[in-house]
């Protein structure tokens, strides 16, 4: 590289995106089902939602109940153990819920609620606009600049 050649300009601060996230704060509609787990230790389909929810809340009435979530056409995920009278909020959606009683006794009941939202509310703390770190060049020096591509 020739020493007289101009170097690349430093990265602008405005090009560095702030840390952001989107969360759903309002839910427009819900679906819920109640399922009695049969005797046996195999997972059975407990319920199927009409779409992919934004959040799932599951609870049970007996100890040692397990669920797993599955999307349509995909393999099921990890097993999640439910505790008595302690609702479990899962902030991800899946269309199918499978359940089992690992003891094999059955007769446990699980309650699953799906929350759906049609809008996302942006709750970012830091939303700065574009920033100019330096003063703009004078008009006569603008014509002397050469566009450099990487």
C-alpha atoms as a PDB file:
ATOM      1  CA  UNK A   1       0.000   0.000   0.000  1.00  0.00           C
ATOM      2  CA  UNK A   2       1.323   3.402  -0.929  1.00  0.00           C
ATOM      3  CA  UNK A   3       1.994   5.634   2.125  1.00  0.00           C
ATOM      4  CA  UNK A   4       0.288   8.591   0.463  1.00  0.00           C
ATOM      5  CA  UNK A   5      -2.951   6.692  -0.100  1.00  0.00           C
ATOM      6  CA  UNK A   6      -5.758   7.682   2.275  1.00  0.00           C
ATOM      7  CA  UNK A   7      -6.777   5.135   4.899  1.00  0.00           C
ATOM      8  CA  UNK A   8     -10.280   3.972   5.556  1.00  0.00           C
ATOM      9  CA  UNK A   9     -12.362   6.352   7.638  1.00  0.00           C
ATOM     10  CA  UNK A  10     -13.118   5.295  11.216  1.00  0.00           C
ATOM     11  CA  UNK A  11     -16.436   3.596  11.888  1.00  0.00           C
ATOM     12  CA  UNK A  12     -19.185   6.033  12.750  1.00  0.00           C
ATOM     13  CA  UNK A  13     -20.794   5.723  16.140  1.00  0.00           C
ATOM     14  CA  UNK A  14     -24.206   5.859  14.500  1.00  0.00           C
ATOM     15  CA  UNK A  15     -23.356   2.640  12.622  1.00  0.00           C
ATOM     16  CA  UNK A  16     -22.933   0.783  15.906  1.00  0.00           C
ATOM     17  CA  UNK A  17     -26.444  -0.326  16.761  1.00  0.00           C
ATOM     18  CA  UNK A  18     -27.567  -0.027  20.371  1.00  0.00           C
ATOM     19  CA  UNK A  19     -28.562  -3.121  22.292  1.00  0.00           C
ATOM     20  CA  UNK A  20     -32.268  -3.562  21.739  1.00  0.00           C
ATOM     21  CA  UNK A  21     -35.068  -5.969  22.359  1.00  0.00           C
ATOM     22  CA  UNK A  22     -38.730  -6.262  21.626  1.00  0.00           C
ATOM     23  CA  UNK A  23     -41.203  -7.570  24.139  1.00  0.00           C
ATOM     24  CA  UNK A  24     -44.879  -8.201  23.957  1.00  0.00           C
ATOM     25  CA  UNK A  25     -46.716  -6.218  26.602  1.00  0.00           C
ATOM     26  CA  UNK A  26     -50.267  -6.704  25.430  1.00  0.00           C
ATOM     27  CA  UNK A  27     -52.007  -9.835  24.266  1.00  0.00           C
ATOM     28  CA  UNK A  28     -55.029  -9.724  22.016  1.00  0.00           C
ATOM     29  CA  UNK A  29     -56.349 -13.254  22.383  1.00  0.00           C
ATOM     30  CA  UNK A  30     -55.838 -16.441  24.333  1.00  0.00           C
ATOM     31  CA  UNK A  31     -56.302 -20.178  24.018  1.00  0.00           C
ATOM     32  CA  UNK A  32     -56.401 -22.603  26.920  1.00  0.00           C
ATOM     33  CA  UNK A  33     -56.838 -26.304  27.388  1.00  0.00           C
ATOM     34  CA  UNK A  34     -56.991 -28.760  30.268  1.00  0.00           C
ATOM     35  CA  UNK A  35     -55.572 -32.242  29.793  1.00  0.00           C
ATOM     36  CA  UNK A  36     -55.735 -35.326  32.010  1.00  0.00           C
ATOM     37  CA  UNK A  37     -52.548 -37.349  31.609  1.00  0.00           C
ATOM     38  CA  UNK A  38     -53.149 -41.079  31.011  1.00  0.00           C
ATOM     39  CA  UNK A  39     -51.252 -43.827  32.811  1.00  0.00           C
ATOM     40  CA  UNK A  40     -47.924 -44.688  31.220  1.00  0.00           C
ATOM     41  CA  UNK A  41     -44.539 -43.060  30.821  1.00  0.00           C
ATOM     42  CA  UNK A  42     -44.675 -42.117  27.130  1.00  0.00           C
ATOM     43  CA  UNK A  43     -45.280 -38.552  25.982  1.00  0.00           C
ATOM     44  CA  UNK A  44     -48.741 -38.008  24.489  1.00  0.00           C
ATOM     45  CA  UNK A  45     -50.072 -34.979  22.660  1.00  0.00           C
ATOM     46  CA  UNK A  46     -51.895 -32.890  25.253  1.00  0.00           C
ATOM     47  CA  UNK A  47     -53.057 -30.113  22.964  1.00  0.00           C
ATOM     48  CA  UNK A  48     -52.553 -28.219  19.761  1.00  0.00           C
ATOM     49  CA  UNK A  49     -52.937 -24.458  19.356  1.00  0.00           C
ATOM     50  CA  UNK A  50     -54.426 -22.789  16.300  1.00  0.00           C
ATOM     51  CA  UNK A  51     -51.197 -20.887  15.642  1.00  0.00           C
ATOM     52  CA  UNK A  52     -47.804 -20.129  17.168  1.00  0.00           C
ATOM     53  CA  UNK A  53     -48.312 -18.248  20.446  1.00  0.00           C
ATOM     54  CA  UNK A  54     -45.978 -15.587  21.794  1.00  0.00           C
ATOM     55  CA  UNK A  55     -46.027 -16.960  25.336  1.00  0.00           C
ATOM     56  CA  UNK A  56     -47.173 -20.188  26.995  1.00  0.00           C
ATOM     57  CA  UNK A  57     -48.143 -20.573  30.651  1.00  0.00           C
ATOM     58  CA  UNK A  58     -48.355 -24.130  32.037  1.00  0.00           C
ATOM     59  CA  UNK A  59     -49.323 -25.432  35.480  1.00  0.00           C
ATOM     60  CA  UNK A  60     -50.320 -28.769  36.999  1.00  0.00           C
ATOM     61  CA  UNK A  61     -52.274 -30.178  39.939  1.00  0.00           C
ATOM     62  CA  UNK A  62     -49.999 -33.098  40.787  1.00  0.00           C
ATOM     63  CA  UNK A  63     -46.282 -33.435  41.283  1.00  0.00           C
ATOM     64  CA  UNK A  64     -43.824 -34.773  38.766  1.00  0.00           C
ATOM     65  CA  UNK A  65     -45.680 -33.838  35.588  1.00  0.00           C
ATOM     66  CA  UNK A  66     -43.525 -33.180  32.532  1.00  0.00           C
ATOM     67  CA  UNK A  67     -44.243 -31.348  29.285  1.00  0.00           C
ATOM     68  CA  UNK A  68     -42.341 -30.607  26.135  1.00  0.00           C
ATOM     69  CA  UNK A  69     -43.129 -28.196  23.330  1.00  0.00           C
ATOM     70  CA  UNK A  70     -43.025 -28.937  19.639  1.00  0.00           C
ATOM     71  CA  UNK A  71     -43.477 -26.912  16.489  1.00  0.00           C
ATOM     72  CA  UNK A  72     -45.393 -28.330  13.566  1.00  0.00           C
ATOM     73  CA  UNK A  73     -43.119 -30.671  11.579  1.00  0.00           C
ATOM     74  CA  UNK A  74     -40.189 -30.429  14.003  1.00  0.00           C
ATOM     75  CA  UNK A  75     -38.755 -32.662  16.700  1.00  0.00           C
ATOM     76  CA  UNK A  76     -39.803 -31.923  20.281  1.00  0.00           C
ATOM     77  CA  UNK A  77     -37.636 -29.823  22.556  1.00  0.00           C
ATOM     78  CA  UNK A  78     -36.321 -30.482  26.038  1.00  0.00           C
ATOM     79  CA  UNK A  79     -38.477 -31.853  28.813  1.00  0.00           C
ATOM     80  CA  UNK A  80     -39.801 -29.310  31.318  1.00  0.00           C
ATOM     81  CA  UNK A  81     -40.913 -30.408  34.789  1.00  0.00           C
ATOM     82  CA  UNK A  82     -43.962 -28.686  36.244  1.00  0.00           C
ATOM     83  CA  UNK A  83     -44.314 -28.051  39.978  1.00  0.00           C
ATOM     84  CA  UNK A  84     -47.590 -28.043  41.883  1.00  0.00           C
ATOM     85  CA  UNK A  85     -49.354 -24.663  42.036  1.00  0.00           C
ATOM     86  CA  UNK A  86     -46.414 -22.905  40.424  1.00  0.00           C
ATOM     87  CA  UNK A  87     -47.207 -21.588  36.944  1.00  0.00           C
ATOM     88  CA  UNK A  88     -44.355 -21.832  34.473  1.00  0.00           C
ATOM     89  CA  UNK A  89     -44.115 -19.073  31.861  1.00  0.00           C
ATOM     90  CA  UNK A  90     -42.364 -20.014  28.648  1.00  0.00           C
ATOM     91  CA  UNK A  91     -41.624 -16.930  26.496  1.00  0.00           C
ATOM     92  CA  UNK A  92     -41.470 -18.844  23.238  1.00  0.00           C
ATOM     93  CA  UNK A  93     -44.138 -20.323  21.085  1.00  0.00           C
ATOM     94  CA  UNK A  94     -44.867 -23.811  19.863  1.00  0.00           C
ATOM     95  CA  UNK A  95     -48.044 -25.187  18.351  1.00  0.00           C
ATOM     96  CA  UNK A  96     -48.064 -28.572  20.124  1.00  0.00           C
ATOM     97  CA  UNK A  97     -47.758 -29.449  23.813  1.00  0.00           C
ATOM     98  CA  UNK A  98     -46.917 -33.024  24.819  1.00  0.00           C
ATOM     99  CA  UNK A  99     -47.210 -34.303  28.408  1.00  0.00           C
ATOM    100  CA  UNK A 100     -46.412 -37.334  30.519  1.00  0.00           C
ATOM    101  CA  UNK A 101     -46.362 -38.543  34.094  1.00  0.00           C
ATOM    102  CA  UNK A 102     -42.894 -40.031  34.676  1.00  0.00           C
ATOM    103  CA  UNK A 103     -44.198 -42.217  37.504  1.00  0.00           C
ATOM    104  CA  UNK A 104     -46.655 -43.867  35.097  1.00  0.00           C
ATOM    105  CA  UNK A 105     -49.632 -43.509  37.469  1.00  0.00           C
ATOM    106  CA  UNK A 106     -51.523 -41.010  35.330  1.00  0.00           C
ATOM    107  CA  UNK A 107     -54.571 -38.951  36.360  1.00  0.00           C
ATOM    108  CA  UNK A 108     -52.497 -35.762  36.658  1.00  0.00           C
ATOM    109  CA  UNK A 109     -54.046 -32.667  35.117  1.00  0.00           C
ATOM    110  CA  UNK A 110     -52.157 -29.902  33.331  1.00  0.00           C
ATOM    111  CA  UNK A 111     -53.522 -26.496  32.375  1.00  0.00           C
ATOM    112  CA  UNK A 112     -51.894 -24.718  29.434  1.00  0.00           C
ATOM    113  CA  UNK A 113     -52.648 -21.153  28.329  1.00  0.00           C
ATOM    114  CA  UNK A 114     -51.321 -19.622  25.112  1.00  0.00           C
ATOM    115  CA  UNK A 115     -51.114 -15.858  24.690  1.00  0.00           C
ATOM    116  CA  UNK A 116     -51.127 -14.339  21.217  1.00  0.00           C
ATOM    117  CA  UNK A 117     -50.282 -10.763  20.258  1.00  0.00           C
ATOM    118  CA  UNK A 118     -50.673  -8.884  17.025  1.00  0.00           C
ATOM    119  CA  UNK A 119     -48.430  -5.994  18.000  1.00  0.00           C
ATOM    120  CA  UNK A 120     -44.938  -5.626  19.417  1.00  0.00           C
ATOM    121  CA  UNK A 121     -44.157  -2.693  21.640  1.00  0.00           C
ATOM    122  CA  UNK A 122     -40.602  -1.439  21.513  1.00  0.00           C
ATOM    123  CA  UNK A 123     -39.241  -0.947  25.036  1.00  0.00           C
ATOM    124  CA  UNK A 124     -35.619  -0.155  24.280  1.00  0.00           C
ATOM    125  CA  UNK A 125     -33.962   2.081  26.843  1.00  0.00           C
ATOM    126  CA  UNK A 126     -31.442   3.558  24.433  1.00  0.00           C
ATOM    127  CA  UNK A 127     -32.807   4.850  21.133  1.00  0.00           C
ATOM    128  CA  UNK A 128     -30.440   7.580  19.994  1.00  0.00           C
ATOM    129  CA  UNK A 129     -30.776   8.943  16.527  1.00  0.00           C
ATOM    130  CA  UNK A 130     -27.875   9.398  14.095  1.00  0.00           C
ATOM    131  CA  UNK A 131     -24.926  11.175  15.678  1.00  0.00           C
ATOM    132  CA  UNK A 132     -22.456  13.513  14.059  1.00  0.00           C
ATOM    133  CA  UNK A 133     -19.119  13.239  15.833  1.00  0.00           C
ATOM    134  CA  UNK A 134     -17.308  15.865  13.773  1.00  0.00           C
ATOM    135  CA  UNK A 135     -18.145  19.079  12.049  1.00  0.00           C
ATOM    136  CA  UNK A 136     -19.067  18.892   8.389  1.00  0.00           C
ATOM    137  CA  UNK A 137     -16.340  19.727   5.882  1.00  0.00           C
ATOM    138  CA  UNK A 138     -16.229  23.066   4.206  1.00  0.00           C
ATOM    139  CA  UNK A 139     -17.911  23.220   0.809  1.00  0.00           C
ATOM    140  CA  UNK A 140     -14.640  23.777  -1.122  1.00  0.00           C
ATOM    141  CA  UNK A 141     -12.984  20.696   0.467  1.00  0.00           C
ATOM    142  CA  UNK A 142     -15.959  18.426  -0.316  1.00  0.00           C
ATOM    143  CA  UNK A 143     -15.051  18.381  -4.016  1.00  0.00           C
ATOM    144  CA  UNK A 144     -11.532  17.132  -3.204  1.00  0.00           C
ATOM    145  CA  UNK A 145     -12.759  13.970  -1.484  1.00  0.00           C
ATOM    146  CA  UNK A 146     -12.479  10.701  -3.350  1.00  0.00           C
ATOM    147  CA  UNK A 147     -14.965   7.890  -2.751  1.00  0.00           C
ATOM    148  CA  UNK A 148     -13.085   4.863  -1.409  1.00  0.00           C
ATOM    149  CA  UNK A 149     -14.637   1.414  -1.659  1.00  0.00           C
ATOM    150  CA  UNK A 150     -13.514  -1.606   0.318  1.00  0.00           C
END
